[in-house]
């Protein structure tokens, strides 16, 4: 494990050396203050420190659609740039978790200089220890191994929580969106709800028999079979974003219809779009 982390350090460091944008930033921009001056590429706990480009930070917060009602947690906050931007530019309440004590203190001073110390809290702590379960948006710039290590914690967060990473993805959990290219790339996910299982539907028009929906799920990818009008059919174009599930099916006249429901534990409720008209349906997960 240690070798893999060190190898990741060397790969990232080499990439930075070859990237003129980062090289110029390191040479021409003062990264700290009179009390502490961090260096690009300096070692930390399991990571090296690389400041997030301003444009990338802005793009990360935009793709997550951060708004004033959000609670943003930046994991591995460094100098506080993203936590500060979330508060200053998007009006959110934000928290930064930073392991390095000197860096955390620098981030706190930066929040004061930016005039957002009332909306930003910098926590000197370990991202694998601190509780960030109340976040509605999580941002991070970690290494691939660390993304995978923290992924189980993220997947247990409330469905609908938005996740954005700089540079590195989450393995086989495919992103919902990608921003940028090359060294200035980011990935976006929405934590999915639990849709898997057999559901009993009520309210389906035109059906005199029990209607069931059997769903399989891998992260936000959903497939399944709808048993309707005495026959089974595969659902089409299924999407799951947080607790919102949408898919298409064919009615008794072979016309395409859309089901749009919101999951709530072992129940869901929503609507069917049929001939430009809406009618309500509910579902209960079979035990």
Protein backbone atom coordinates (compact mmCIF):
# COMPACT_ATOMS: atom_id res chain seq x y z
CA UNK A 1 0.00 0.00 0.00
CA UNK A 2 2.81 2.38 0.89
CA UNK A 3 4.52 1.70 -2.43
CA UNK A 4 1.30 2.44 -4.31
CA UNK A 5 0.89 5.76 -2.51
CA UNK A 6 4.51 6.75 -3.15
CA UNK A 7 4.11 5.81 -6.79
CA UNK A 8 1.02 8.02 -7.00
CA UNK A 9 3.02 10.87 -5.46
CA UNK A 10 5.74 10.52 -8.10
CA UNK A 11 3.25 10.32 -10.97
CA UNK A 12 1.44 13.47 -9.84
CA UNK A 13 4.70 15.31 -9.20
CA UNK A 14 5.94 14.41 -12.69
CA UNK A 15 2.67 15.61 -14.20
CA UNK A 16 3.02 18.92 -12.41
CA UNK A 17 6.56 19.35 -13.66
CA UNK A 18 5.40 18.85 -17.24
CA UNK A 19 2.38 21.11 -16.89
CA UNK A 20 3.36 24.76 -17.58
CA UNK A 21 0.16 26.06 -15.96
CA UNK A 22 1.08 24.61 -12.58
CA UNK A 23 4.76 25.41 -13.01
CA UNK A 24 4.03 29.06 -13.70
CA UNK A 25 1.61 29.19 -10.78
CA UNK A 26 4.21 27.80 -8.39
CA UNK A 27 6.88 30.28 -9.50
CA UNK A 28 4.87 33.47 -9.79
CA UNK A 29 2.17 33.19 -7.12
CA UNK A 30 2.65 33.53 -3.39
CA UNK A 31 0.75 30.59 -1.93
CA UNK A 32 0.91 31.43 1.77
CA UNK A 33 1.41 34.41 4.04
CA UNK A 34 3.96 35.82 6.47
CA UNK A 35 3.32 32.94 8.91
CA UNK A 36 3.36 29.95 6.57
CA UNK A 37 4.38 29.41 2.96
CA UNK A 38 3.36 25.98 1.58
CA UNK A 39 5.09 24.45 -1.45
CA UNK A 40 3.40 22.82 -4.41
CA UNK A 41 4.10 19.10 -4.13
CA UNK A 42 4.85 19.08 -0.41
CA UNK A 43 4.00 15.82 1.36
CA UNK A 44 0.98 15.47 3.60
CA UNK A 45 -0.92 12.56 5.13
CA UNK A 46 -1.18 10.10 2.20
CA UNK A 47 -1.20 12.97 -0.32
CA UNK A 48 0.85 15.78 -1.73
CA UNK A 49 -0.48 19.31 -1.78
CA UNK A 50 -1.39 20.84 -5.12
CA UNK A 51 -3.55 24.00 -5.18
CA UNK A 52 -6.72 23.74 -7.24
CA UNK A 53 -6.78 26.09 -10.22
CA UNK A 54 -9.31 28.93 -9.71
CA UNK A 55 -11.17 28.07 -12.91
CA UNK A 56 -11.39 24.39 -11.94
CA UNK A 57 -12.63 25.26 -8.45
CA UNK A 58 -15.33 27.46 -9.96
CA UNK A 59 -16.31 24.75 -12.45
CA UNK A 60 -16.51 22.15 -9.69
CA UNK A 61 -18.90 24.28 -7.65
CA UNK A 62 -20.97 25.16 -10.71
CA UNK A 63 -21.43 21.55 -11.86
CA UNK A 64 -22.64 20.75 -8.33
CA UNK A 65 -25.09 23.68 -8.62
CA UNK A 66 -24.06 25.02 -5.21
CA UNK A 67 -26.57 27.46 -3.74
CA UNK A 68 -26.97 29.42 -0.49
CA UNK A 69 -28.93 26.62 1.19
CA UNK A 70 -26.10 24.10 0.67
CA UNK A 71 -23.65 22.77 3.21
CA UNK A 72 -20.35 22.18 1.41
CA UNK A 73 -17.50 20.07 2.83
CA UNK A 74 -14.10 20.19 1.14
CA UNK A 75 -12.07 17.09 2.03
CA UNK A 76 -8.38 17.94 2.19
CA UNK A 77 -9.06 21.66 2.21
CA UNK A 78 -5.46 22.86 1.90
CA UNK A 79 -5.37 26.64 1.91
CA UNK A 80 -9.19 26.80 2.02
CA UNK A 81 -9.70 27.92 -1.58
CA UNK A 82 -12.76 25.81 -2.40
CA UNK A 83 -14.46 26.26 0.96
CA UNK A 84 -13.95 30.02 0.64
CA UNK A 85 -15.22 30.11 -2.96
CA UNK A 86 -18.33 28.13 -2.01
CA UNK A 87 -19.20 30.74 0.61
CA UNK A 88 -18.04 33.89 -1.16
CA UNK A 89 -19.20 33.17 -4.70
CA UNK A 90 -22.17 30.86 -4.11
CA UNK A 91 -23.43 31.87 -0.66
CA UNK A 92 -23.12 28.39 0.85
CA UNK A 93 -22.16 27.44 4.38
CA UNK A 94 -18.90 25.55 4.01
CA UNK A 95 -16.42 23.47 5.96
CA UNK A 96 -12.88 22.47 5.09
CA UNK A 97 -11.19 19.43 6.66
CA UNK A 98 -7.40 19.71 6.60
CA UNK A 99 -4.95 17.37 8.35
CA UNK A 100 -1.87 19.64 8.30
CA UNK A 101 -2.13 21.99 11.28
CA UNK A 102 -0.12 24.82 9.70
CA UNK A 103 -2.14 24.56 6.48
CA UNK A 104 -5.42 24.57 8.44
CA UNK A 105 -4.32 27.71 10.28
CA UNK A 106 -3.40 29.33 6.95
CA UNK A 107 -6.86 28.41 5.60
CA UNK A 108 -8.48 30.04 8.65
CA UNK A 109 -6.51 33.22 8.06
CA UNK A 110 -7.52 33.11 4.39
CA UNK A 111 -11.21 32.94 5.35
CA UNK A 112 -10.73 36.08 7.43
CA UNK A 113 -8.93 37.87 4.61
CA UNK A 114 -11.76 36.87 2.24
CA UNK A 115 -14.37 38.19 4.67
CA UNK A 116 -16.22 34.87 4.98
CA UNK A 117 -15.09 33.59 8.38
CA UNK A 118 -18.72 33.70 9.50
CA UNK A 119 -19.70 31.21 6.77
CA UNK A 120 -16.60 29.00 6.62
CA UNK A 121 -15.22 26.68 9.29
CA UNK A 122 -11.83 25.04 8.83
CA UNK A 123 -11.42 21.80 10.77
CA UNK A 124 -7.92 20.54 11.58
CA UNK A 125 -8.64 16.83 11.33
CA UNK A 126 -8.60 13.56 9.39
CA UNK A 127 -11.18 13.11 6.62
CA UNK A 128 -11.51 9.44 7.65
CA UNK A 129 -12.36 10.44 11.23
CA UNK A 130 -14.34 13.68 10.96
CA UNK A 131 -18.10 13.51 10.37
CA UNK A 132 -19.23 15.17 7.14
CA UNK A 133 -22.52 13.28 6.82
CA UNK A 134 -24.58 16.51 6.90
CA UNK A 135 -22.99 17.79 3.70
CA UNK A 136 -25.20 18.38 0.69
CA UNK A 137 -22.09 18.88 -1.49
CA UNK A 138 -18.68 17.23 -1.04
CA UNK A 139 -15.60 18.38 -2.96
CA UNK A 140 -12.16 16.79 -2.90
CA UNK A 141 -8.78 16.66 -4.59
CA UNK A 142 -7.27 13.39 -3.37
CA UNK A 143 -5.35 10.53 -4.94
CA UNK A 144 -7.12 7.57 -6.63
CA UNK A 145 -6.49 5.18 -3.71
CA UNK A 146 -7.98 7.65 -1.26
CA UNK A 147 -11.03 8.24 -3.47
CA UNK A 148 -11.70 4.49 -3.37
CA UNK A 149 -11.05 4.32 0.36
CA UNK A 150 -13.58 7.04 1.15
CA UNK A 151 -16.11 5.92 -1.47
CA UNK A 152 -18.03 3.56 0.89
CA UNK A 153 -18.58 6.45 3.33
CA UNK A 154 -19.82 8.67 0.51
CA UNK A 155 -22.22 6.03 -0.81
CA UNK A 156 -23.85 5.86 2.65
CA UNK A 157 -24.61 9.58 2.58
CA UNK A 158 -28.10 10.92 1.97
CA UNK A 159 -29.32 10.22 -1.58
CA UNK A 160 -29.00 13.38 -3.64
CA UNK A 161 -25.73 14.47 -2.05
CA UNK A 162 -23.53 15.91 -4.83
CA UNK A 163 -19.89 14.86 -5.08
CA UNK A 164 -17.18 16.58 -7.14
CA UNK A 165 -13.55 15.53 -7.46
CA UNK A 166 -10.59 17.24 -9.07
CA UNK A 167 -8.50 15.08 -11.47
CA UNK A 168 -9.31 11.58 -10.16
CA UNK A 169 -12.43 9.42 -10.46
CA UNK A 170 -14.06 6.77 -8.24
CA UNK A 171 -13.07 3.57 -10.00
CA UNK A 172 -16.04 1.62 -11.36
CA UNK A 173 -18.56 4.15 -10.01
CA UNK A 174 -19.03 6.02 -13.26
CA UNK A 175 -19.51 9.80 -12.97
CA UNK A 176 -22.78 11.48 -13.86
CA UNK A 177 -20.82 14.29 -15.53
CA UNK A 178 -17.26 15.27 -16.39
CA UNK A 179 -15.83 18.77 -16.49
CA UNK A 180 -12.72 19.92 -18.30
CA UNK A 181 -10.00 17.81 -19.88
CA UNK A 182 -6.47 16.67 -19.18
CA UNK A 183 -4.84 18.19 -16.09
CA UNK A 184 -7.84 20.44 -15.48
CA UNK A 185 -10.47 17.73 -15.25
CA UNK A 186 -13.14 16.99 -12.69
CA UNK A 187 -15.85 14.42 -12.07
CA UNK A 188 -19.38 14.76 -10.68
CA UNK A 189 -21.73 12.25 -9.03
CA UNK A 190 -25.06 12.28 -7.25
CA UNK A 191 -25.30 9.75 -4.41
CA UNK A 192 -28.01 7.31 -5.54
CA UNK A 193 -30.95 6.09 -3.50
CA UNK A 194 -31.84 2.43 -3.09
CA UNK A 195 -34.15 1.35 -5.90
CA UNK A 196 -33.35 -2.37 -6.09
CA UNK A 197 -35.98 -4.97 -5.34
CA UNK A 198 -39.53 -5.95 -6.20
CA UNK A 199 -42.14 -3.20 -6.02
CA UNK A 200 -45.94 -3.44 -5.94
CA UNK A 201 -47.50 -0.54 -7.89
CA UNK A 202 -50.91 1.00 -7.34
CA UNK A 203 -52.76 3.44 -9.55
CA UNK A 204 -51.69 2.19 -12.98
CA UNK A 205 -54.56 3.00 -15.31
CA UNK A 206 -55.99 0.31 -17.55
CA UNK A 207 -54.68 -2.59 -15.48
CA UNK A 208 -57.02 -4.98 -13.61
CA UNK A 209 -54.17 -7.15 -12.33
CA UNK A 210 -51.42 -6.59 -9.82
CA UNK A 211 -48.62 -4.51 -11.31
CA UNK A 212 -45.07 -5.27 -10.20
CA UNK A 213 -41.73 -3.67 -10.96
CA UNK A 214 -38.53 -5.67 -10.43
CA UNK A 215 -35.40 -3.50 -10.37
CA UNK A 216 -31.70 -4.25 -10.35
CA UNK A 217 -29.15 -1.57 -9.52
CA UNK A 218 -25.43 -0.87 -9.65
CA UNK A 219 -24.71 2.58 -8.26
CA UNK A 220 -26.97 4.94 -10.27
CA UNK A 221 -27.44 2.46 -13.13
CA UNK A 222 -30.87 0.82 -12.99
CA UNK A 223 -32.56 -1.83 -15.08
CA UNK A 224 -35.59 -4.00 -14.60
CA UNK A 225 -38.84 -5.56 -15.68
CA UNK A 226 -42.37 -4.12 -15.43
CA UNK A 227 -45.16 -6.71 -15.18
CA UNK A 228 -48.19 -4.93 -16.61
CA UNK A 229 -51.32 -5.91 -18.56
CA UNK A 230 -50.53 -9.56 -17.91
CA UNK A 231 -47.13 -9.43 -19.62
CA UNK A 232 -43.56 -8.51 -18.78
CA UNK A 233 -41.47 -5.85 -20.47
CA UNK A 234 -38.03 -4.39 -19.89
CA UNK A 235 -38.07 -0.80 -18.70
CA UNK A 236 -36.31 1.68 -21.00
CA UNK A 237 -34.09 4.73 -20.51
CA UNK A 238 -34.00 4.37 -16.72
CA UNK A 239 -32.27 7.10 -14.74
CA UNK A 240 -31.71 7.39 -10.99
CA UNK A 241 -30.56 10.73 -9.58
CA UNK A 242 -30.58 10.69 -5.82
CA UNK A 243 -34.06 9.41 -4.93
CA UNK A 244 -35.64 10.37 -8.25
CA UNK A 245 -36.29 7.43 -10.57
CA UNK A 246 -37.52 7.84 -14.14
CA UNK A 247 -38.06 5.28 -16.88
CA UNK A 248 -40.11 4.61 -19.99
CA UNK A 249 -42.52 1.73 -20.63
CA UNK A 250 -45.03 0.74 -23.31
CA UNK A 251 -48.75 0.86 -22.54
CA UNK A 252 -51.44 -1.56 -23.81
CA UNK A 253 -51.52 0.26 -27.18
CA UNK A 254 -47.76 0.07 -27.49
CA UNK A 255 -47.34 3.80 -26.83
CA UNK A 256 -44.33 5.07 -24.90
CA UNK A 257 -45.13 6.37 -21.40
CA UNK A 258 -42.92 7.84 -18.68
CA UNK A 259 -42.95 6.96 -14.98
CA UNK A 260 -41.36 9.60 -12.72
CA UNK A 261 -41.29 8.77 -8.99
CA UNK A 262 -39.45 9.72 -5.80
CA UNK A 263 -38.13 6.98 -3.52
CA UNK A 264 -38.78 7.20 0.20
CA UNK A 265 -37.38 4.14 1.93
CA UNK A 266 -39.60 1.20 1.03
CA UNK A 267 -42.16 3.38 -0.71
CA UNK A 268 -42.29 5.65 -3.71
CA UNK A 269 -44.81 8.06 -5.17
CA UNK A 270 -44.99 9.98 -8.39
CA UNK A 271 -46.67 10.28 -11.72
CA UNK A 272 -47.18 8.67 -15.09
CA UNK A 273 -47.15 10.87 -18.18
CA UNK A 274 -49.76 9.61 -20.63
CA UNK A 275 -51.05 11.54 -23.66
CA UNK A 276 -49.78 14.82 -22.17
CA UNK A 277 -51.81 14.10 -19.02
CA UNK A 278 -50.51 13.11 -15.59
CA UNK A 279 -51.92 10.65 -13.10
CA UNK A 280 -50.52 9.58 -9.74
CA UNK A 281 -49.07 6.20 -8.77
CA UNK A 282 -47.51 4.74 -5.62
CA UNK A 283 -45.27 1.79 -4.97
CA UNK A 284 -44.32 -0.40 -2.01
CA UNK A 285 -41.21 -2.56 -1.86
CA UNK A 286 -42.09 -6.21 -1.27
CA UNK A 287 -40.56 -7.58 1.94
